Every structure is written in structure tokens, then in C-alpha cells.
Full PDB file with SEQRES, HELIX, SHEET, SSBOND, CRYST1, ORIGX, SCALE, CONECT and MASTER records, all heavy atoms in Angstrom:
SEQRES   1 A   29  VAL HIS VAL VAL LEU PRO PRO VAL ALA LEU ASP GLY PRO          
SEQRES   2 A   29  ALA VAL THR ILE ARG LYS PHE PRO GLU PRO ILE THR MET          
SEQRES   3 A   29  GLU LYS LEU                                                  
SHEET    1 AA1 2 HIS A   2  VAL A   4  0                                        
SHEET    2 AA1 2 ALA A  14  THR A  16 -1                                        
CRYST1    1.000    1.000    1.000  90.00  90.00  90.00 P 1           1          
ORIGX1      1.000000  0.000000  0.000000        0.00000                         
ORIGX2      0.000000  1.000000  0.000000        0.00000                         
ORIGX3      0.000000  0.000000  1.000000        0.00000                         
SCALE1      1.000000  0.000000  0.000000        0.00000                         
SCALE2      0.000000  1.000000  0.000000        0.00000                         
SCALE3      0.000000  0.000000  1.000000        0.00000                         
ATOM      1  N   VAL A   1     325.222  16.981 238.542  1.00  0.00           N  
ATOM      2  CA  VAL A   1     325.113  15.557 238.448  1.00  0.00           C  
ATOM      3  C   VAL A   1     325.073  15.268 236.825  1.00  0.00           C  
ATOM      4  O   VAL A   1     324.242  15.742 236.204  1.00  0.00           O  
ATOM      5  CB  VAL A   1     323.826  14.938 239.113  1.00  0.00           C  
ATOM      6  CG1 VAL A   1     323.880  13.382 238.967  1.00  0.00           C  
ATOM      7  CG2 VAL A   1     323.913  15.424 240.526  1.00  0.00           C  
ATOM      8  N   HIS A   2     325.939  14.241 236.531  1.00  0.00           N  
ATOM      9  CA  HIS A   2     325.937  13.775 235.096  1.00  0.00           C  
ATOM     10  C   HIS A   2     325.762  12.216 235.208  1.00  0.00           C  
ATOM     11  O   HIS A   2     326.476  11.633 235.999  1.00  0.00           O  
ATOM     12  CB  HIS A   2     327.274  14.115 234.460  1.00  0.00           C  
ATOM     13  CG  HIS A   2     327.299  13.688 233.007  1.00  0.00           C  
ATOM     14  ND1 HIS A   2     326.502  14.304 232.034  1.00  0.00           N  
ATOM     15  CD2 HIS A   2     327.899  12.663 232.404  1.00  0.00           C  
ATOM     16  CE1 HIS A   2     326.766  13.730 230.849  1.00  0.00           C  
ATOM     17  NE2 HIS A   2     327.640  12.726 231.031  1.00  0.00           N  
ATOM     18  N   VAL A   3     324.835  11.753 234.424  1.00  0.00           N  
ATOM     19  CA  VAL A   3     324.423  10.298 234.501  1.00  0.00           C  
ATOM     20  C   VAL A   3     324.566   9.665 233.111  1.00  0.00           C  
ATOM     21  O   VAL A   3     324.109  10.271 232.137  1.00  0.00           O  
ATOM     22  CB  VAL A   3     323.039  10.138 234.997  1.00  0.00           C  
ATOM     23  CG1 VAL A   3     322.658   8.622 234.962  1.00  0.00           C  
ATOM     24  CG2 VAL A   3     322.898  10.657 236.425  1.00  0.00           C  
ATOM     25  N   VAL A   4     325.229   8.521 233.046  1.00  0.00           N  
ATOM     26  CA  VAL A   4     325.205   7.688 231.812  1.00  0.00           C  
ATOM     27  C   VAL A   4     324.867   6.336 232.215  1.00  0.00           C  
ATOM     28  O   VAL A   4     325.382   5.662 233.010  1.00  0.00           O  
ATOM     29  CB  VAL A   4     326.624   7.648 231.196  1.00  0.00           C  
ATOM     30  CG1 VAL A   4     326.672   6.955 229.886  1.00  0.00           C  
ATOM     31  CG2 VAL A   4     327.115   9.121 230.960  1.00  0.00           C  
ATOM     32  N   LEU A   5     323.771   5.764 231.505  1.00  0.00           N  
ATOM     33  CA  LEU A   5     323.307   4.473 231.759  1.00  0.00           C  
ATOM     34  C   LEU A   5     323.701   3.443 230.692  1.00  0.00           C  
ATOM     35  O   LEU A   5     324.072   3.810 229.609  1.00  0.00           O  
ATOM     36  CB  LEU A   5     321.741   4.461 231.804  1.00  0.00           C  
ATOM     37  CG  LEU A   5     321.035   5.325 232.918  1.00  0.00           C  
ATOM     38  CD1 LEU A   5     319.548   5.187 232.751  1.00  0.00           C  
ATOM     39  CD2 LEU A   5     321.467   4.931 234.320  1.00  0.00           C  
ATOM     40  N   PRO A   6     323.627   2.131 231.127  1.00  0.00           N  
ATOM     41  CA  PRO A   6     323.863   1.110 230.155  1.00  0.00           C  
ATOM     42  C   PRO A   6     322.758   1.236 228.992  1.00  0.00           C  
ATOM     43  O   PRO A   6     321.637   1.865 229.314  1.00  0.00           O  
ATOM     44  CB  PRO A   6     323.677  -0.201 230.824  1.00  0.00           C  
ATOM     45  CG  PRO A   6     324.017   0.200 232.299  1.00  0.00           C  
ATOM     46  CD  PRO A   6     323.445   1.616 232.354  1.00  0.00           C  
ATOM     47  N   PRO A   7     322.951   0.854 227.769  1.00  0.00           N  
ATOM     48  CA  PRO A   7     324.083   0.046 227.318  1.00  0.00           C  
ATOM     49  C   PRO A   7     325.334   1.011 226.959  1.00  0.00           C  
ATOM     50  O   PRO A   7     326.299   0.540 226.542  1.00  0.00           O  
ATOM     51  CB  PRO A   7     323.583  -0.586 226.006  1.00  0.00           C  
ATOM     52  CG  PRO A   7     322.523   0.383 225.506  1.00  0.00           C  
ATOM     53  CD  PRO A   7     321.861   0.970 226.771  1.00  0.00           C  
ATOM     54  N   VAL A   8     325.119   2.388 226.992  1.00  0.00           N  
ATOM     55  CA  VAL A   8     326.272   3.269 226.748  1.00  0.00           C  
ATOM     56  C   VAL A   8     327.364   3.052 227.746  1.00  0.00           C  
ATOM     57  O   VAL A   8     328.555   3.050 227.422  1.00  0.00           O  
ATOM     58  CB  VAL A   8     325.751   4.730 226.713  1.00  0.00           C  
ATOM     59  CG1 VAL A   8     326.948   5.655 226.536  1.00  0.00           C  
ATOM     60  CG2 VAL A   8     324.692   4.853 225.612  1.00  0.00           C  
ATOM     61  N   ALA A   9     327.030   3.023 229.023  1.00  0.00           N  
ATOM     62  CA  ALA A   9     327.942   2.758 230.121  1.00  0.00           C  
ATOM     63  C   ALA A   9     328.117   1.262 230.298  1.00  0.00           C  
ATOM     64  O   ALA A   9     327.206   0.560 230.721  1.00  0.00           O  
ATOM     65  CB  ALA A   9     327.594   3.395 231.356  1.00  0.00           C  
ATOM     66  N   LEU A  10     329.229   0.657 229.828  1.00  0.00           N  
ATOM     67  CA  LEU A  10     329.385  -0.777 229.764  1.00  0.00           C  
ATOM     68  C   LEU A  10     329.461  -1.529 231.048  1.00  0.00           C  
ATOM     69  O   LEU A  10     329.144  -2.623 231.095  1.00  0.00           O  
ATOM     70  CB  LEU A  10     330.654  -1.113 228.946  1.00  0.00           C  
ATOM     71  CG  LEU A  10     330.683  -0.535 227.480  1.00  0.00           C  
ATOM     72  CD1 LEU A  10     331.948  -0.898 226.846  1.00  0.00           C  
ATOM     73  CD2 LEU A  10     329.492  -0.977 226.635  1.00  0.00           C  
ATOM     74  N   ASP A  11     329.922  -0.836 232.111  1.00  0.00           N  
ATOM     75  CA  ASP A  11     330.124  -1.503 233.374  1.00  0.00           C  
ATOM     76  C   ASP A  11     329.066  -1.116 234.424  1.00  0.00           C  
ATOM     77  O   ASP A  11     329.329  -1.193 235.608  1.00  0.00           O  
ATOM     78  CB  ASP A  11     331.474  -1.214 233.943  1.00  0.00           C  
ATOM     79  CG  ASP A  11     332.660  -1.622 232.968  1.00  0.00           C  
ATOM     80  OD1 ASP A  11     332.425  -2.829 232.429  1.00  0.00           O  
ATOM     81  OD2 ASP A  11     333.574  -0.911 232.785  1.00  0.00           O  
ATOM     82  N   GLY A  12     327.947  -0.669 233.947  1.00  0.00           N  
ATOM     83  CA  GLY A  12     326.846  -0.281 234.934  1.00  0.00           C  
ATOM     84  C   GLY A  12     326.694   1.198 234.890  1.00  0.00           C  
ATOM     85  O   GLY A  12     327.500   1.953 234.352  1.00  0.00           O  
ATOM     86  N   PRO A  13     325.613   1.742 235.593  1.00  0.00           N  
ATOM     87  CA  PRO A  13     325.422   3.239 235.597  1.00  0.00           C  
ATOM     88  C   PRO A  13     326.535   3.938 236.161  1.00  0.00           C  
ATOM     89  O   PRO A  13     327.169   3.615 237.115  1.00  0.00           O  
ATOM     90  CB  PRO A  13     324.191   3.243 236.590  1.00  0.00           C  
ATOM     91  CG  PRO A  13     323.530   1.889 236.521  1.00  0.00           C  
ATOM     92  CD  PRO A  13     324.590   0.958 236.320  1.00  0.00           C  
ATOM     93  N   ALA A  14     326.956   5.041 235.396  1.00  0.00           N  
ATOM     94  CA  ALA A  14     328.022   5.885 235.830  1.00  0.00           C  
ATOM     95  C   ALA A  14     327.456   7.315 236.269  1.00  0.00           C  
ATOM     96  O   ALA A  14     326.737   7.882 235.479  1.00  0.00           O  
ATOM     97  CB  ALA A  14     329.018   6.068 234.634  1.00  0.00           C  
ATOM     98  N   VAL A  15     327.748   7.690 237.435  1.00  0.00           N  
ATOM     99  CA  VAL A  15     327.283   8.903 237.985  1.00  0.00           C  
ATOM    100  C   VAL A  15     328.479   9.764 238.417  1.00  0.00           C  
ATOM    101  O   VAL A  15     329.277   9.330 239.118  1.00  0.00           O  
ATOM    102  CB  VAL A  15     326.292   8.723 239.186  1.00  0.00           C  
ATOM    103  CG1 VAL A  15     325.793  10.001 239.670  1.00  0.00           C  
ATOM    104  CG2 VAL A  15     325.139   7.762 238.835  1.00  0.00           C  
ATOM    105  N   THR A  16     328.420  10.974 238.002  1.00  0.00           N  
ATOM    106  CA  THR A  16     329.519  11.960 238.450  1.00  0.00           C  
ATOM    107  C   THR A  16     328.786  13.164 239.106  1.00  0.00           C  
ATOM    108  O   THR A  16     327.954  13.783 238.483  1.00  0.00           O  
ATOM    109  CB  THR A  16     330.367  12.414 237.275  1.00  0.00           C  
ATOM    110  OG1 THR A  16     330.823  11.341 236.543  1.00  0.00           O  
ATOM    111  CG2 THR A  16     331.460  13.288 237.795  1.00  0.00           C  
ATOM    112  N   ILE A  17     329.174  13.365 240.268  1.00  0.00           N  
ATOM    113  CA  ILE A  17     328.560  14.516 241.089  1.00  0.00           C  
ATOM    114  C   ILE A  17     329.754  15.543 241.369  1.00  0.00           C  
ATOM    115  O   ILE A  17     330.697  15.176 242.022  1.00  0.00           O  
ATOM    116  CB  ILE A  17     327.970  14.065 242.323  1.00  0.00           C  
ATOM    117  CG1 ILE A  17     326.866  13.087 242.113  1.00  0.00           C  
ATOM    118  CG2 ILE A  17     327.455  15.220 243.190  1.00  0.00           C  
ATOM    119  CD1 ILE A  17     326.192  12.461 243.356  1.00  0.00           C  
ATOM    120  N   ARG A  18     329.513  16.727 240.901  1.00  0.00           N  
ATOM    121  CA  ARG A  18     330.451  17.836 241.268  1.00  0.00           C  
ATOM    122  C   ARG A  18     329.791  18.742 242.271  1.00  0.00           C  
ATOM    123  O   ARG A  18     328.860  19.429 241.950  1.00  0.00           O  
ATOM    124  CB  ARG A  18     330.934  18.555 239.990  1.00  0.00           C  
ATOM    125  CG  ARG A  18     332.095  19.490 240.183  1.00  0.00           C  
ATOM    126  CD  ARG A  18     332.629  20.134 238.938  1.00  0.00           C  
ATOM    127  NE  ARG A  18     331.837  21.276 238.619  1.00  0.00           N  
ATOM    128  CZ  ARG A  18     331.902  21.959 237.569  1.00  0.00           C  
ATOM    129  NH1 ARG A  18     332.803  21.600 236.618  1.00  0.00           N  
ATOM    130  NH2 ARG A  18     331.275  23.032 237.264  1.00  0.00           N  
ATOM    131  N   LYS A  19     330.238  18.720 243.497  1.00  0.00           N  
ATOM    132  CA  LYS A  19     329.655  19.421 244.556  1.00  0.00           C  
ATOM    133  C   LYS A  19     329.896  20.901 244.486  1.00  0.00           C  
ATOM    134  O   LYS A  19     330.922  21.423 244.086  1.00  0.00           O  
ATOM    135  CB  LYS A  19     330.204  18.940 245.918  1.00  0.00           C  
ATOM    136  CG  LYS A  19     329.657  17.533 246.202  1.00  0.00           C  
ATOM    137  CD  LYS A  19     330.370  17.003 247.524  1.00  0.00           C  
ATOM    138  CE  LYS A  19     330.018  17.829 248.743  1.00  0.00           C  
ATOM    139  NZ  LYS A  19     330.755  17.301 249.911  1.00  0.00           N  
ATOM    140  N   PHE A  20     328.917  21.692 244.910  1.00  0.00           N  
ATOM    141  CA  PHE A  20     328.951  23.108 244.963  1.00  0.00           C  
ATOM    142  C   PHE A  20     328.758  23.556 246.337  1.00  0.00           C  
ATOM    143  O   PHE A  20     327.618  23.716 246.727  1.00  0.00           O  
ATOM    144  CB  PHE A  20     327.878  23.732 244.008  1.00  0.00           C  
ATOM    145  CG  PHE A  20     328.455  24.049 242.635  1.00  0.00           C  
ATOM    146  CD1 PHE A  20     328.737  22.986 241.716  1.00  0.00           C  
ATOM    147  CD2 PHE A  20     328.982  25.350 242.265  1.00  0.00           C  
ATOM    148  CE1 PHE A  20     329.306  23.307 240.513  1.00  0.00           C  
ATOM    149  CE2 PHE A  20     329.476  25.571 241.053  1.00  0.00           C  
ATOM    150  CZ  PHE A  20     329.737  24.549 240.151  1.00  0.00           C  
ATOM    151  N   PRO A  21     329.823  23.757 246.996  1.00  0.00           N  
ATOM    152  CA  PRO A  21     329.658  24.355 248.394  1.00  0.00           C  
ATOM    153  C   PRO A  21     329.373  25.776 248.411  1.00  0.00           C  
ATOM    154  O   PRO A  21     328.817  26.293 247.431  1.00  0.00           O  
ATOM    155  CB  PRO A  21     331.059  24.063 249.076  1.00  0.00           C  
ATOM    156  CG  PRO A  21     332.030  24.149 247.875  1.00  0.00           C  
ATOM    157  CD  PRO A  21     331.177  23.644 246.704  1.00  0.00           C  
ATOM    158  N   GLU A  22     329.659  26.467 249.467  1.00  0.00           N  
ATOM    159  CA  GLU A  22     329.571  27.890 249.476  1.00  0.00           C  
ATOM    160  C   GLU A  22     330.284  28.610 248.325  1.00  0.00           C  
ATOM    161  O   GLU A  22     331.356  28.114 247.937  1.00  0.00           O  
ATOM    162  CB  GLU A  22     330.132  28.490 250.845  1.00  0.00           C  
ATOM    163  CG  GLU A  22     329.250  28.133 252.099  1.00  0.00           C  
ATOM    164  CD  GLU A  22     327.864  28.689 252.056  1.00  0.00           C  
ATOM    165  OE1 GLU A  22     327.738  29.863 251.661  1.00  0.00           O  
ATOM    166  OE2 GLU A  22     326.907  27.967 252.316  1.00  0.00           O  
ATOM    167  N   PRO A  23     329.675  29.652 247.633  1.00  0.00           N  
ATOM    168  CA  PRO A  23     330.350  30.233 246.579  1.00  0.00           C  
ATOM    169  C   PRO A  23     331.704  30.680 246.920  1.00  0.00           C  
ATOM    170  O   PRO A  23     331.988  31.295 248.015  1.00  0.00           O  
ATOM    171  CB  PRO A  23     329.416  31.438 246.197  1.00  0.00           C  
ATOM    172  CG  PRO A  23     328.034  31.046 246.790  1.00  0.00           C  
ATOM    173  CD  PRO A  23     328.361  30.226 248.012  1.00  0.00           C  
ATOM    174  N   ILE A  24     332.688  30.369 246.042  1.00  0.00           N  
ATOM    175  CA  ILE A  24     333.958  30.832 246.324  1.00  0.00           C  
ATOM    176  C   ILE A  24     334.264  32.261 245.780  1.00  0.00           C  
ATOM    177  O   ILE A  24     333.995  32.484 244.597  1.00  0.00           O  
ATOM    178  CB  ILE A  24     335.081  29.910 245.619  1.00  0.00           C  
ATOM    179  CG1 ILE A  24     334.926  28.576 246.292  1.00  0.00           C  
ATOM    180  CG2 ILE A  24     336.476  30.446 245.736  1.00  0.00           C  
ATOM    181  CD1 ILE A  24     335.961  27.534 245.704  1.00  0.00           C  
ATOM    182  N   THR A  25     334.552  33.184 246.655  1.00  0.00           N  
ATOM    183  CA  THR A  25     334.705  34.576 246.350  1.00  0.00           C  
ATOM    184  C   THR A  25     336.098  34.860 245.754  1.00  0.00           C  
ATOM    185  O   THR A  25     337.003  34.098 245.783  1.00  0.00           O  
ATOM    186  CB  THR A  25     334.498  35.515 247.595  1.00  0.00           C  
ATOM    187  OG1 THR A  25     335.568  35.136 248.514  1.00  0.00           O  
ATOM    188  CG2 THR A  25     333.117  35.261 248.234  1.00  0.00           C  
ATOM    189  N   MET A  26     336.270  36.017 245.152  1.00  0.00           N  
ATOM    190  CA  MET A  26     337.552  36.414 244.617  1.00  0.00           C  
ATOM    191  C   MET A  26     338.554  36.548 245.790  1.00  0.00           C  
ATOM    192  O   MET A  26     339.669  36.192 245.520  1.00  0.00           O  
ATOM    193  CB  MET A  26     337.348  37.761 243.899  1.00  0.00           C  
ATOM    194  CG  MET A  26     338.555  38.148 243.045  1.00  0.00           C  
ATOM    195  SD  MET A  26     338.946  36.954 241.701  1.00  0.00           S  
ATOM    196  CE  MET A  26     337.603  37.378 240.553  1.00  0.00           C  
ATOM    197  N   GLU A  27     338.107  36.914 246.984  1.00  0.00           N  
ATOM    198  CA  GLU A  27     338.983  36.943 248.074  1.00  0.00           C  
ATOM    199  C   GLU A  27     339.612  35.578 248.384  1.00  0.00           C  
ATOM    200  O   GLU A  27     340.785  35.439 248.643  1.00  0.00           O  
ATOM    201  CB  GLU A  27     338.300  37.461 249.321  1.00  0.00           C  
ATOM    202  CG  GLU A  27     337.959  39.014 249.242  1.00  0.00           C  
ATOM    203  CD  GLU A  27     336.866  39.357 248.301  1.00  0.00           C  
ATOM    204  OE1 GLU A  27     336.102  38.482 247.919  1.00  0.00           O  
ATOM    205  OE2 GLU A  27     336.797  40.530 247.953  1.00  0.00           O  
ATOM    206  N   LYS A  28     338.762  34.617 248.297  1.00  0.00           N  
ATOM    207  CA  LYS A  28     339.271  33.195 248.503  1.00  0.00           C  
ATOM    208  C   LYS A  28     340.164  32.810 247.456  1.00  0.00           C  
ATOM    209  O   LYS A  28     341.186  32.060 247.637  1.00  0.00           O  
ATOM    210  CB  LYS A  28     338.088  32.248 248.595  1.00  0.00           C  
ATOM    211  CG  LYS A  28     337.272  32.357 249.931  1.00  0.00           C  
ATOM    212  CD  LYS A  28     336.217  31.291 250.030  1.00  0.00           C  
ATOM    213  CE  LYS A  28     335.472  31.369 251.323  1.00  0.00           C  
ATOM    214  NZ  LYS A  28     334.314  30.406 251.434  1.00  0.00           N  
ATOM    215  N   LEU A  29     339.811  33.104 246.114  1.00  0.00           N  
ATOM    216  CA  LEU A  29     340.696  32.796 244.978  1.00  0.00           C  
ATOM    217  C   LEU A  29     342.080  33.429 245.205  1.00  0.00           C  
ATOM    218  O   LEU A  29     343.178  32.804 244.867  1.00  0.00           O  
ATOM    219  CB  LEU A  29     340.066  33.214 243.720  1.00  0.00           C  
ATOM    220  CG  LEU A  29     338.983  32.386 243.305  1.00  0.00           C  
ATOM    221  CD1 LEU A  29     338.380  32.923 242.045  1.00  0.00           C  
ATOM    222  CD2 LEU A  29     339.192  30.960 243.141  1.00  0.00           C  
TER     223      LEU A  29                                                      
MASTER        0    0    0    0    2    0    0    6  222    1    0    3          
END                                                                             
């Protein structure tokens, strides 16, 4: 999770979530 709040984020709080599901194995890659 990455969060940036005002006043740096001009249009309101910005939240970016990068989900981590089950680990991707070399076989899946």
C-alpha cells in the first residue's frame, strides 16, 4: 500500500494497493 495525502495530493488522498496473491512460481512464469 502506498499513500499520499493532501496537500501533496492535490485532489484528495491517493492510495495505491498492489495485491499479492499466492506466490507465483517459476513454473507459472
